[in-house]
Amino acid sequence: MLDTLSRNIIYGNTYCSLEHTGTDTHGKIIILICKQQKGELKLISKESVSSIEGVKEFQPKLRYAHLVINNNQVLQKTIETINTLSDTVLLNQTFPNIDLEAFYHEIIRSKEKAYVYICRKSYIDSLHKEYESQSIFITHWSLGSTPLVSLLPFLKRESQIQSPTTTLKLKEGEITSIDRMASENYPNETYDVTGLQIDGEYINGLGSIIKTIAGVDEKYVSNNFETKEKEQQSYFKQHRLFTIGLPLAIGVLFTIFLVNFLFYSYYYDEVAVLQEIGSTNTLQKKLLVKKDSIVDQKQKLFEDVIASASSSASYCIDEIIQEMPETILLEGLQYHPLQKKIRKNKIVEIEENTIVITGETSENADLSSWISSLENLEFTDSVSIDNLEEKGKNIRFSIALLIKA
């Protein structure tokens, strides 16, 4: 699964074949593009152009392709063979007078024959460079009609396959002959490859695409450029990983920086708020300490006043009670009585240095005598009767005694 994912990331699910046919002066490039979806191969587009620049113009987004060299630069020979013979022996028998080190070769083996294709390495390498100059990487390549071998399992009912350059005859799914033919004699036929309708002009390209997907069956096809192909594929992977990875890495770094910036901004704001709260709390603490000091001072002053007032009041009340006759019933004695009722958010108003005494008596003479005694006390400034009324046989009274300051 990981291999499939990796391959889809690097190669995608679109496959392209570029088949060079014709001659150097009248060459043609046959383009076939297919897409693999849900295990099925679908035809996307097809075209013929006259130059490599035309390929890029036809498909600007093309990144890689399977190159098929099937023009006059490829030499083909057929030889009767024994399957146990090695490629080197077959090549020496087929092309005894050439330097095989200067050529790429590809060989198709059947039961009785071997079909040998060779092409100069310098020519194929030059094509690679031309395509790379157009940002198209050649990751696979084939010589002549060798890609058709990949289609044999799907064309078992066919007796022959015809393309613009080749007539390939079959018997029970096996190749019996491969003959090159002139393109002007080519009959344009359509073939059914597992439901995909393909013209003979593009069938070699379809074979190369299936060869790209499924690989080469070494039992039938062999070559001397497998290592070179792997180098090209590795080079393309590195290029794709760099092309994909660089923006991805920049995107990841940018995302990390953005997230870091957002977190930094968030926590910076939080720290700023906390610092502001801390500063406010420090100021509030200072104000509270100052107010606590003021409150403590006032509390102490209040306690001193209360203690002093309590002591003075106790002394005055004690003297007043000692002078009070037994015939008087004392109902109340207020020291510093309120001038008005206590109200919210209003100053408490009191009559300072005043004692208000209320009560009842049955003897008016005793009351008069007591008032005279109160007037003679050393702390008394004056004594006034605020209220005096009869209540049955008794007399209710209210006396205000003003204390010397």
Protein backbone atom coordinates (compact mmCIF):
# COMPACT_ATOMS: atom_id res chain seq x y z
CA MET A 1 0.00 0.00 0.00
CA LEU A 2 2.82 2.38 0.87
CA ASP A 3 4.58 1.48 -2.39
CA THR A 4 1.39 2.25 -4.33
CA LEU A 5 0.93 5.53 -2.48
CA SER A 6 4.57 6.47 -3.07
CA ARG A 7 4.29 5.62 -6.75
CA ASN A 8 1.05 7.62 -7.15
CA ILE A 9 2.66 10.64 -5.49
CA ILE A 10 5.70 10.50 -7.77
CA TYR A 11 4.21 9.26 -11.05
CA GLY A 12 0.50 9.91 -10.64
CA ASN A 13 -2.08 7.74 -12.38
CA THR A 14 -1.57 9.16 -15.87
CA TYR A 15 0.71 7.35 -18.35
CA CYS A 16 2.14 8.59 -21.61
CA SER A 17 3.80 6.90 -24.55
CA LEU A 18 5.89 8.73 -27.15
CA GLU A 19 6.64 6.64 -30.25
CA HIS A 20 9.17 7.96 -32.77
CA THR A 21 8.46 6.64 -36.27
CA GLY A 22 9.49 7.52 -39.84
CA THR A 23 12.89 8.88 -40.84
CA ASP A 24 15.17 11.67 -39.69
CA THR A 25 13.75 14.03 -42.32
CA HIS A 26 10.12 12.85 -42.20
CA GLY A 27 9.76 11.80 -38.61
CA LYS A 28 6.60 11.67 -36.54
CA ILE A 29 5.97 11.33 -32.81
CA ILE A 30 2.81 9.40 -31.89
CA ILE A 31 1.47 10.49 -28.51
CA LEU A 32 -0.85 8.29 -26.44
CA ILE A 33 -2.03 9.27 -22.94
CA CYS A 34 -4.03 6.92 -20.69
CA LYS A 35 -5.27 7.12 -17.13
CA GLN A 36 -5.68 4.30 -14.64
CA GLN A 37 -8.86 4.55 -12.57
CA LYS A 38 -10.13 1.83 -10.22
CA GLY A 39 -7.88 -0.73 -11.86
CA GLU A 40 -9.04 0.12 -15.40
CA LEU A 41 -7.07 1.87 -18.10
CA LYS A 42 -8.90 4.64 -19.96
CA LEU A 43 -7.83 6.50 -23.07
CA ILE A 44 -7.41 10.23 -22.37
CA SER A 45 -5.92 11.68 -25.54
CA LYS A 46 -3.91 10.82 -28.63
CA GLU A 47 -2.12 12.89 -31.23
CA SER A 48 0.71 12.90 -33.75
CA VAL A 49 3.25 15.72 -33.83
CA SER A 50 6.41 16.36 -35.80
CA SER A 51 8.79 17.52 -33.05
CA ILE A 52 9.60 17.23 -29.36
CA GLU A 53 8.53 20.85 -28.92
CA GLY A 54 5.16 19.82 -30.36
CA VAL A 55 4.82 17.21 -27.61
CA LYS A 56 5.16 19.91 -24.95
CA GLU A 57 2.71 22.16 -26.75
CA PHE A 58 0.16 19.33 -26.94
CA GLN A 59 0.57 18.36 -23.27
CA PRO A 60 2.20 21.19 -21.25
CA LYS A 61 1.79 19.34 -17.93
CA LEU A 62 3.51 16.17 -19.11
CA ARG A 63 6.26 15.19 -16.63
CA TYR A 64 7.47 11.77 -17.77
CA ALA A 65 6.88 9.26 -20.56
CA HIS A 66 7.74 5.86 -22.03
CA LEU A 67 9.78 6.43 -25.17
CA VAL A 68 9.42 4.00 -28.07
CA ILE A 69 12.07 4.30 -30.80
CA ASN A 70 10.58 2.71 -33.88
CA ASN A 71 12.13 4.69 -36.74
CA ASN A 72 14.98 4.21 -39.17
CA GLN A 73 17.51 4.49 -36.32
CA VAL A 74 16.45 1.04 -35.13
CA LEU A 75 17.80 -2.04 -36.88
CA GLN A 76 15.76 -5.26 -36.72
CA LYS A 77 16.73 -8.81 -37.63
CA THR A 78 15.12 -12.18 -37.14
CA ILE A 79 17.14 -15.28 -36.36
CA GLU A 80 16.31 -18.92 -35.84
CA THR A 81 17.30 -19.65 -32.31
CA ILE A 82 17.47 -21.98 -29.40
CA ASN A 83 16.04 -20.44 -26.23
CA THR A 84 19.08 -21.46 -24.22
CA LEU A 85 21.34 -19.13 -26.22
CA SER A 86 22.40 -15.99 -24.35
CA ASP A 87 21.77 -12.46 -25.59
CA THR A 88 25.46 -11.99 -26.39
CA VAL A 89 25.55 -15.08 -28.61
CA LEU A 90 22.37 -14.03 -30.40
CA LEU A 91 23.74 -10.53 -31.01
CA ASN A 92 27.05 -11.83 -32.32
CA GLN A 93 25.22 -14.16 -34.68
CA THR A 94 22.82 -11.45 -35.83
CA PHE A 95 25.20 -8.47 -36.09
CA PRO A 96 28.70 -9.97 -36.27
CA ASN A 97 30.50 -6.89 -37.61
CA ILE A 98 29.40 -4.05 -35.28
CA ASP A 99 30.57 -2.78 -31.90
CA LEU A 100 27.76 -3.94 -29.64
CA GLU A 101 29.03 -1.75 -26.76
CA ALA A 102 27.86 1.31 -28.70
CA PHE A 103 24.29 0.00 -29.04
CA TYR A 104 21.27 -0.59 -26.85
CA HIS A 105 19.57 -3.83 -27.76
CA GLU A 106 16.23 -5.48 -27.01
CA ILE A 107 15.31 -9.05 -27.94
CA ILE A 108 11.92 -10.77 -28.26
CA ARG A 109 12.06 -14.55 -27.94
CA SER A 110 9.43 -16.91 -29.31
CA LYS A 111 9.45 -20.71 -29.53
CA GLU A 112 11.53 -20.88 -32.69
CA LYS A 113 12.79 -17.37 -33.41
CA ALA A 114 14.39 -14.35 -31.82
CA TYR A 115 13.62 -10.81 -32.98
CA VAL A 116 16.60 -8.56 -32.32
CA TYR A 117 16.43 -4.74 -32.21
CA ILE A 118 19.44 -2.46 -31.81
CA CYS A 119 19.85 1.34 -31.70
CA ARG A 120 22.85 3.56 -31.04
CA LYS A 121 23.20 4.66 -27.41
CA SER A 122 24.26 8.15 -28.50
CA TYR A 123 21.00 8.64 -30.41
CA ILE A 124 18.78 7.53 -27.52
CA ASP A 125 20.80 9.56 -25.00
CA SER A 126 20.42 12.64 -27.21
CA LEU A 127 16.63 12.12 -27.25
CA HIS A 128 16.67 11.93 -23.44
CA LYS A 129 18.44 15.28 -23.26
CA GLU A 130 16.10 16.91 -25.76
CA TYR A 131 13.05 15.78 -23.78
CA GLU A 132 14.62 16.86 -20.48
CA SER A 133 15.19 20.31 -22.00
CA GLN A 134 11.39 20.39 -22.32
CA SER A 135 11.01 19.18 -18.68
CA ILE A 136 9.89 15.70 -19.82
CA PHE A 137 11.76 12.79 -18.24
CA ILE A 138 12.12 9.49 -20.11
CA THR A 139 11.80 6.85 -17.38
CA HIS A 140 11.33 3.82 -19.68
CA TRP A 141 12.09 3.12 -23.32
CA SER A 142 11.64 0.33 -25.86
CA LEU A 143 12.96 -0.51 -29.29
CA GLY A 144 10.88 -1.37 -32.34
CA SER A 145 7.74 -3.41 -31.69
CA THR A 146 8.81 -4.97 -28.38
CA PRO A 147 5.97 -3.23 -26.43
CA LEU A 148 3.45 -5.38 -28.36
CA VAL A 149 4.58 -8.39 -26.31
CA SER A 150 2.80 -6.82 -23.31
CA LEU A 151 -0.50 -7.03 -25.24
CA LEU A 152 -0.29 -10.70 -26.22
CA PRO A 153 -2.28 -11.97 -23.18
CA PHE A 154 -5.14 -9.67 -24.21
CA LEU A 155 -5.09 -10.45 -27.96
CA LYS A 156 -5.15 -14.25 -28.03
CA ARG A 157 -7.99 -14.26 -30.56
CA GLU A 158 -6.10 -12.10 -33.03
CA SER A 159 -4.13 -13.70 -35.86
CA GLN A 160 -2.13 -10.58 -36.57
CA ILE A 161 -1.53 -7.05 -35.27
CA GLN A 162 -0.80 -4.25 -37.70
CA SER A 163 0.73 -0.89 -36.86
CA PRO A 164 2.03 1.77 -39.28
CA THR A 165 5.50 0.18 -39.17
CA THR A 166 4.97 -3.49 -38.37
CA THR A 167 2.88 -6.55 -39.09
CA LEU A 168 3.01 -8.98 -36.22
CA LYS A 169 1.52 -12.43 -36.91
CA LEU A 170 0.20 -14.58 -34.08
CA LYS A 171 -0.83 -18.15 -33.52
CA GLU A 172 -2.51 -19.12 -30.25
CA GLY A 173 -1.08 -16.02 -28.57
CA GLU A 174 2.48 -16.75 -29.74
CA ILE A 175 4.46 -14.62 -32.21
CA THR A 176 5.22 -16.40 -35.46
CA SER A 177 6.69 -13.45 -37.40
CA ILE A 178 7.38 -9.73 -37.20
CA ASP A 179 7.67 -7.91 -40.53
CA ARG A 180 8.38 -4.25 -41.04
CA MET A 181 6.13 -2.50 -43.56
CA ALA A 182 5.83 0.92 -45.18
CA SER A 183 3.36 3.25 -43.52
CA GLU A 184 1.54 3.96 -46.79
CA ASN A 185 0.42 0.33 -46.92
CA TYR A 186 -0.94 0.42 -43.40
CA PRO A 187 -4.61 -0.59 -43.01
CA ASN A 188 -6.09 1.36 -40.08
CA GLU A 189 -7.71 -1.32 -37.90
CA THR A 190 -9.14 -1.11 -34.39
CA TYR A 191 -8.34 -3.63 -31.65
CA ASP A 192 -10.20 -4.45 -28.47
CA VAL A 193 -7.86 -4.67 -25.48
CA THR A 194 -10.04 -5.71 -22.48
CA GLY A 195 -12.75 -3.26 -23.52
CA LEU A 196 -10.39 -0.46 -24.59
CA GLN A 197 -10.77 0.30 -28.30
CA ILE A 198 -7.42 1.27 -29.80
CA ASP A 199 -6.36 2.02 -33.39
CA GLY A 200 -3.41 0.15 -34.83
CA GLU A 201 -1.51 3.44 -35.10
CA TYR A 202 -1.47 3.71 -31.28
CA ILE A 203 -1.32 0.04 -30.32
CA ASN A 204 2.46 0.02 -29.90
CA GLY A 205 2.10 2.99 -27.54
CA LEU A 206 -0.59 1.17 -25.55
CA GLY A 207 1.77 -1.79 -25.23
CA SER A 208 4.49 0.49 -23.84
CA ILE A 209 2.04 1.94 -21.24
CA ILE A 210 1.05 -1.55 -20.08
CA LYS A 211 4.75 -2.43 -20.03
CA THR A 212 5.33 0.63 -17.77
CA ILE A 213 2.58 -0.50 -15.39
CA ALA A 214 3.18 -4.25 -15.35
CA GLY A 215 6.87 -4.47 -16.15
CA VAL A 216 8.70 -6.76 -18.58
CA ASP A 217 8.36 -10.53 -18.72
CA GLU A 218 12.05 -11.46 -18.92
CA LYS A 219 11.07 -14.86 -20.34
CA TYR A 220 10.09 -13.20 -23.63
CA VAL A 221 11.87 -9.84 -23.68
CA SER A 222 15.41 -8.92 -22.60
CA ASN A 223 17.62 -5.85 -23.01
CA ASN A 224 20.90 -4.28 -21.93
CA PHE A 225 19.54 -0.95 -20.66
CA GLU A 226 17.69 -2.04 -17.53
CA THR A 227 20.33 -0.44 -15.27
CA LYS A 228 20.21 2.76 -17.31
CA GLU A 229 16.42 2.80 -17.01
CA LYS A 230 16.64 2.49 -13.23
CA GLU A 231 19.11 5.38 -13.16
CA GLN A 232 16.66 7.49 -15.15
CA GLN A 233 13.79 6.51 -12.86
CA SER A 234 15.88 7.33 -9.79
CA TYR A 235 16.81 10.68 -11.30
CA PHE A 236 13.15 11.42 -12.01
CA LYS A 237 12.11 10.42 -8.47
CA GLN A 238 14.73 12.74 -7.00
CA HIS A 239 13.55 15.55 -9.26
CA ARG A 240 9.89 14.93 -8.34
CA LEU A 241 10.64 14.65 -4.63
CA PHE A 242 12.54 17.93 -4.82
CA THR A 243 9.77 19.56 -6.87
CA ILE A 244 7.04 18.30 -4.52
CA GLY A 245 9.09 18.31 -1.33
CA LEU A 246 10.46 21.85 -1.54
CA PRO A 247 7.06 23.61 -1.63
CA LEU A 248 5.76 21.07 0.89
CA ALA A 249 8.71 21.72 3.21
CA ILE A 250 8.26 25.47 2.80
CA GLY A 251 4.54 25.03 3.48
CA VAL A 252 5.23 22.95 6.59
CA LEU A 253 7.79 25.46 7.85
CA PHE A 254 5.42 28.33 7.13
CA THR A 255 2.63 26.46 8.96
CA ILE A 256 4.94 25.80 11.92
CA PHE A 257 6.00 29.45 11.99
CA LEU A 258 2.38 30.57 11.67
CA VAL A 259 1.21 28.27 14.48
CA ASN A 260 4.20 29.33 16.57
CA PHE A 261 3.41 32.98 15.87
CA LEU A 262 -0.25 32.50 16.77
CA PHE A 263 0.67 30.70 20.00
CA TYR A 264 3.31 33.34 20.75
CA SER A 265 0.85 36.15 20.06
CA TYR A 266 -1.83 34.44 22.14
CA TYR A 267 0.46 33.81 25.11
CA TYR A 268 2.11 37.22 24.69
CA ASP A 269 -1.33 38.81 24.96
CA GLU A 270 -2.12 36.56 27.92
CA VAL A 271 1.16 37.52 29.61
CA ALA A 272 0.49 41.19 28.88
CA VAL A 273 -2.98 40.85 30.43
CA LEU A 274 -1.54 39.02 33.42
CA GLN A 275 1.17 41.66 33.81
CA GLU A 276 -1.47 44.37 33.66
CA ILE A 277 -3.58 42.48 36.19
CA GLY A 278 -0.46 42.01 38.34
CA SER A 279 0.31 45.73 38.15
CA THR A 280 -3.30 46.55 39.02
CA ASN A 281 -3.24 44.08 41.88
CA THR A 282 0.03 45.56 43.16
CA LEU A 283 -1.48 49.05 43.02
CA GLN A 284 -4.67 47.79 44.66
CA LYS A 285 -2.59 46.08 47.31
CA LYS A 286 -0.73 49.30 48.02
CA LEU A 287 -4.04 51.20 48.21
CA LEU A 288 -5.49 48.51 50.47
CA VAL A 289 -2.43 48.63 52.72
CA LYS A 290 -2.75 52.41 52.86
CA LYS A 291 -6.46 52.21 53.58
CA ASP A 292 -5.85 49.48 56.15
CA SER A 293 -3.37 51.83 57.83
CA ILE A 294 -5.92 54.64 57.81
CA VAL A 295 -8.62 52.28 59.08
CA ASP A 296 -6.27 51.02 61.78
CA GLN A 297 -5.56 54.59 62.84
CA LYS A 298 -9.25 55.44 62.87
CA GLN A 299 -10.04 52.19 64.65
CA LYS A 300 -7.47 52.99 67.30
CA LEU A 301 -8.81 56.53 67.58
CA PHE A 302 -12.35 55.17 67.76
CA GLU A 303 -11.39 52.67 70.42
CA ASP A 304 -9.63 55.42 72.37
CA VAL A 305 -12.69 57.65 72.07
CA ILE A 306 -15.01 54.80 72.97
CA ALA A 307 -12.81 53.87 75.90
CA SER A 308 -12.71 57.50 76.99
CA ALA A 309 -16.42 58.00 76.35
CA SER A 310 -17.25 54.74 78.06
CA SER A 311 -15.20 55.73 81.09
CA SER A 312 -16.77 59.21 81.19
CA ALA A 313 -20.25 57.82 80.61
CA SER A 314 -19.81 55.23 83.36
CA TYR A 315 -18.75 57.91 85.79
CA CYS A 316 -21.66 60.20 84.89
CA ILE A 317 -24.24 57.43 84.99
CA ASP A 318 -22.89 56.21 88.31
CA GLU A 319 -23.24 59.70 89.82
CA ILE A 320 -26.73 60.14 88.37
CA ILE A 321 -27.93 56.79 89.74
CA GLN A 322 -26.53 57.50 93.21
CA GLU A 323 -28.60 60.74 93.40
CA MET A 324 -31.78 59.07 92.10
CA PRO A 325 -34.57 58.65 94.75
CA GLU A 326 -36.15 55.22 95.26
CA THR A 327 -39.56 56.56 94.21
CA ILE A 328 -38.33 57.06 90.63
CA LEU A 329 -38.64 54.23 88.07
CA LEU A 330 -35.95 54.70 85.43
CA GLU A 331 -37.00 53.60 81.93
CA GLY A 332 -34.11 54.81 79.82
CA LEU A 333 -30.81 56.64 79.78
CA GLN A 334 -29.22 57.65 76.49
CA TYR A 335 -25.66 58.93 76.31
CA HIS A 336 -25.10 61.04 73.16
CA PRO A 337 -28.64 60.38 71.83
CA LEU A 338 -29.38 60.44 68.05
CA GLN A 339 -30.67 63.66 66.58
CA LYS A 340 -32.22 61.83 63.59
CA LYS A 341 -32.86 58.24 62.57
CA ILE A 342 -29.92 56.44 60.98
CA ARG A 343 -30.28 56.50 57.19
CA LYS A 344 -28.25 54.81 54.44
CA ASN A 345 -25.36 56.86 53.05
CA LYS A 346 -26.10 59.66 55.58
CA ILE A 347 -23.93 60.92 58.42
CA VAL A 348 -25.02 59.77 61.85
CA GLU A 349 -25.96 62.89 63.81
CA ILE A 350 -25.83 62.80 67.63
CA GLU A 351 -26.30 65.31 70.46
CA GLU A 352 -22.83 65.45 71.90
CA ASN A 353 -22.25 65.88 75.66
CA THR A 354 -25.92 65.13 76.38
CA ILE A 355 -27.62 62.51 78.51
CA VAL A 356 -31.37 61.98 78.10
CA ILE A 357 -33.10 60.34 81.08
CA THR A 358 -36.71 59.01 80.87
CA GLY A 359 -38.83 57.40 83.56
CA GLU A 360 -41.83 57.62 85.95
CA THR A 361 -42.37 58.71 89.56
CA SER A 362 -45.21 58.84 92.03
CA GLU A 363 -43.66 61.64 94.04
CA ASN A 364 -43.33 64.99 92.30
CA ALA A 365 -41.28 66.37 95.22
CA ASP A 366 -38.71 63.61 94.86
CA LEU A 367 -38.39 64.38 91.13
CA SER A 368 -37.80 68.08 91.83
CA SER A 369 -35.29 67.24 94.51
CA TRP A 370 -33.44 64.85 92.12
CA ILE A 371 -33.29 67.49 89.37
CA SER A 372 -31.79 69.94 91.86
CA SER A 373 -29.22 67.32 92.83
CA LEU A 374 -28.33 66.74 89.16
CA GLU A 375 -27.79 70.44 88.63
CA ASN A 376 -25.27 70.42 91.48
CA LEU A 377 -23.13 67.63 90.00
CA GLU A 378 -19.65 68.79 89.05
CA PHE A 379 -19.87 67.59 85.43
CA THR A 380 -23.33 69.10 84.83
CA ASP A 381 -23.58 72.22 82.77
CA SER A 382 -27.38 72.44 82.76
CA VAL A 383 -30.51 70.35 83.29
CA SER A 384 -33.75 70.83 81.32
CA ILE A 385 -37.10 69.06 81.48
CA ASP A 386 -38.05 68.06 77.92
CA ASN A 387 -41.30 66.36 78.78
CA LEU A 388 -43.49 66.07 81.85
CA GLU A 389 -46.94 64.47 81.79
CA GLU A 390 -49.34 62.74 84.11
CA LYS A 391 -50.02 59.04 83.65
CA GLY A 392 -52.68 58.06 86.10
CA LYS A 393 -51.29 58.59 89.57
CA ASN A 394 -47.73 58.76 88.24
CA ILE A 395 -45.81 61.40 86.36
CA ARG A 396 -43.80 60.51 83.20
CA PHE A 397 -40.74 62.65 82.60
CA SER A 398 -37.90 63.21 80.17
CA ILE A 399 -34.83 65.14 81.37
CA ALA A 400 -31.94 66.37 79.18
CA LEU A 401 -28.67 66.78 81.06
CA LEU A 402 -25.96 68.77 79.30
CA ILE A 403 -22.45 67.72 80.31
CA LYS A 404 -19.58 70.15 80.48
CA ALA A 405 -17.23 69.81 77.54
